[in-house]
Amino acid sequence: MQYVIDGHNLIPNIRGLTLRDLDDEQALVGLLTPYLRAKNSRAMVFFDRAATGQAGQRNFGLVKAVFVPAGQTADAAIANYFRQLRGASQNHTLVSSDRTVQASARTYRAAVLTSQEFARLLRDFYEQESQADTEQPAMSDEEIQQWEDLFNQYGAQPPDGLNP
């Protein structure tokens, strides 16, 4: 599944992000990447009001950012994207609280999540990740010694067959 995200509509719904930040778009991309990796998904994020000379698409791995030029809106760019996808829109989920954008996506049978719902999914994901990090037990002294012995046994070179 691929998400189509109305970036500036989502940012105000995520704790710690604000549209007043100069790097709000990059911060959103950074938050999305681990989530998408865990969900085996991709996202196309639309941002309007691109600075002069900054309009266009940029690939950030699992996230493709579309910076819509001044004079156009992300809403119109999203609607046009769904229009181009046609039937393939069924494999996409729109993330936006804008009702006009939602209606456009639904016309092409895309799933819809509000920005608040998606922000909640992100928050829950990061809370679970944080709990998982703290729940991992520390290595015992014996385990540490076994690893040290293993590394010292081979020095700086890995055993045969393990060289990249």
Foldseek 3Di string as FASTA:
>chain_A
DEEEEAQQQQQVLAPPGDPPDPCRVVVVVVLVVVVCVVVVYAYEYEYEDADVPRAAWDDDDRYIYGYHHPPDHSLVVLLVVLVVCQQVLCVYEYEDPDPSSVVSSVVSPHHYDYSNRVSVVSVVVVVVVVVVVVPDDDDDPVVVVVVVVQCVVQPPDDDPPPDD
